[in-house]
């Protein structure tokens, strides 16, 4: 088999393409909500096995990820990455309605819920959006 880098496996739902069929199968779970990997301790389920493996560390004292700024230890790499934003000030999650930025995706989601109770109107002359 020659490795051309061509993505031969395409999702029929969103048309995202993948190099390997198993990556497509894993991706399809994002559409179906299937979570076949379940934690035996708490019952929480995951769509990817490596996410379950990482999650299991929360039930132990194992904290292999350390912040280089403050030496705080974490059981999950994703939690370390989120924590490091407290040192850098990075805010990669931006509201598409008001442009307010957040360090954590969950904070953005909570913020966007606020907008769901507001009406958005457009001022025709200035072509600017205002939140009322």
Protein backbone atom coordinates (compact mmCIF):
# COMPACT_ATOMS: atom_id res chain seq x y z
CA UNK A 1 0.00 0.00 0.00
CA UNK A 2 1.35 3.42 -0.97
CA UNK A 3 0.74 6.25 1.51
CA UNK A 4 -0.39 9.22 -0.53
CA UNK A 5 -2.01 11.18 2.28
CA UNK A 6 -5.28 11.06 0.38
CA UNK A 7 -8.30 10.96 2.66
CA UNK A 8 -10.37 8.14 1.19
CA UNK A 9 -12.95 7.75 3.95
CA UNK A 10 -15.63 10.44 4.03
CA UNK A 11 -18.47 11.02 6.47
CA UNK A 12 -21.79 10.92 4.63
CA UNK A 13 -23.32 13.33 7.15
CA UNK A 14 -20.84 16.24 7.26
CA UNK A 15 -18.40 15.24 4.49
CA UNK A 16 -15.33 15.38 6.73
CA UNK A 17 -12.66 13.08 5.30
CA UNK A 18 -10.22 10.72 7.01
CA UNK A 19 -7.09 8.79 6.13
CA UNK A 20 -8.22 5.65 7.94
CA UNK A 21 -11.58 3.91 8.16
CA UNK A 22 -11.31 3.47 11.94
CA UNK A 23 -11.01 7.26 12.29
CA UNK A 24 -14.23 7.65 10.30
CA UNK A 25 -15.97 5.10 12.53
CA UNK A 26 -14.85 7.01 15.63
CA UNK A 27 -15.97 10.29 14.05
CA UNK A 28 -19.43 8.90 13.27
CA UNK A 29 -20.01 8.58 17.01
CA UNK A 30 -20.04 12.39 17.18
CA UNK A 31 -23.20 12.26 15.05
CA UNK A 32 -24.87 9.24 16.65
CA UNK A 33 -23.96 9.98 20.26
CA UNK A 34 -22.77 6.40 20.70
CA UNK A 35 -20.49 6.00 23.72
CA UNK A 36 -19.36 2.36 23.87
CA UNK A 37 -16.59 2.85 26.46
CA UNK A 38 -17.95 2.95 30.00
CA UNK A 39 -16.16 3.56 33.29
CA UNK A 40 -16.60 0.58 35.60
CA UNK A 41 -16.35 2.83 38.68
CA UNK A 42 -18.82 5.61 37.96
CA UNK A 43 -20.67 4.52 34.81
CA UNK A 44 -19.70 7.57 32.75
CA UNK A 45 -19.49 6.65 29.06
CA UNK A 46 -17.17 7.88 26.30
CA UNK A 47 -17.01 7.69 22.53
CA UNK A 48 -13.25 7.05 22.49
CA UNK A 49 -11.28 4.47 24.46
CA UNK A 50 -8.37 6.83 25.17
CA UNK A 51 -10.81 9.29 26.75
CA UNK A 52 -12.00 6.54 29.10
CA UNK A 53 -8.39 5.67 29.97
CA UNK A 54 -7.70 9.33 30.77
CA UNK A 55 -10.93 9.58 32.78
CA UNK A 56 -10.06 6.57 34.94
CA UNK A 57 -7.15 8.56 36.37
CA UNK A 58 -9.68 10.80 38.13
CA UNK A 59 -10.56 7.84 40.36
CA UNK A 60 -6.96 7.33 41.47
CA UNK A 61 -4.27 9.49 42.98
CA UNK A 62 -2.37 9.40 39.67
CA UNK A 63 -1.72 12.93 38.41
CA UNK A 64 0.90 12.67 35.68
CA UNK A 65 0.38 16.15 34.20
CA UNK A 66 2.11 19.07 35.93
CA UNK A 67 1.81 22.78 35.25
CA UNK A 68 5.23 24.24 34.47
CA UNK A 69 4.15 27.61 35.91
CA UNK A 70 2.89 26.65 39.36
CA UNK A 71 3.71 22.92 39.70
CA UNK A 72 0.05 21.98 40.26
CA UNK A 73 -0.66 18.38 39.23
CA UNK A 74 -3.58 17.10 37.16
CA UNK A 75 -4.99 13.70 36.32
CA UNK A 76 -6.05 14.70 32.80
CA UNK A 77 -4.08 16.52 30.12
CA UNK A 78 -7.15 18.45 28.97
CA UNK A 79 -7.61 19.85 32.49
CA UNK A 80 -3.95 20.92 32.57
CA UNK A 81 -4.38 22.71 29.22
CA UNK A 82 -7.45 24.55 30.54
CA UNK A 83 -5.58 25.42 33.76
CA UNK A 84 -2.60 26.83 31.85
CA UNK A 85 -4.91 29.46 30.36
CA UNK A 86 -5.11 31.03 33.81
CA UNK A 87 -1.42 31.84 33.44
CA UNK A 88 -1.41 32.86 29.76
CA UNK A 89 -4.72 34.71 29.65
CA UNK A 90 -5.59 32.84 26.44
CA UNK A 91 -9.31 32.95 25.58
CA UNK A 92 -9.82 30.80 22.48
CA UNK A 93 -13.62 30.48 22.75
CA UNK A 94 -15.46 33.50 21.34
CA UNK A 95 -19.17 34.26 21.27
CA UNK A 96 -20.34 34.75 17.69
CA UNK A 97 -23.03 37.19 18.82
CA UNK A 98 -21.14 39.66 21.01
CA UNK A 99 -17.47 38.67 20.49
CA UNK A 100 -16.85 38.14 24.21
CA UNK A 101 -14.05 35.58 24.67
CA UNK A 102 -13.62 32.83 27.25
CA UNK A 103 -10.86 30.54 28.46
CA UNK A 104 -13.14 27.51 28.70
CA UNK A 105 -15.67 26.10 26.27
CA UNK A 106 -18.17 25.49 29.09
CA UNK A 107 -18.04 29.17 30.04
CA UNK A 108 -18.88 30.09 26.44
CA UNK A 109 -21.82 27.66 26.39
CA UNK A 110 -23.16 29.11 29.64
CA UNK A 111 -22.73 32.63 28.26
CA UNK A 112 -24.55 31.75 25.02
CA UNK A 113 -27.53 30.52 27.03
CA UNK A 114 -27.93 34.13 28.14
CA UNK A 115 -28.34 35.16 24.51
CA UNK A 116 -31.11 32.60 23.95
CA UNK A 117 -33.45 34.86 25.96
CA UNK A 118 -32.56 37.96 23.94
CA UNK A 119 -33.77 39.10 20.56
CA UNK A 120 -31.26 40.11 17.92
CA UNK A 121 -32.22 42.92 15.58
CA UNK A 122 -30.38 44.50 12.69
CA UNK A 123 -30.21 48.23 12.12
CA UNK A 124 -30.71 48.51 8.33
CA UNK A 125 -28.80 51.74 7.72
CA UNK A 126 -25.66 50.85 9.65
CA UNK A 127 -25.80 47.08 9.06
CA UNK A 128 -24.76 46.45 12.63
CA UNK A 129 -26.22 43.88 14.96
CA UNK A 130 -27.51 44.85 18.35
CA UNK A 131 -28.60 42.63 21.21
CA UNK A 132 -31.70 43.90 22.96
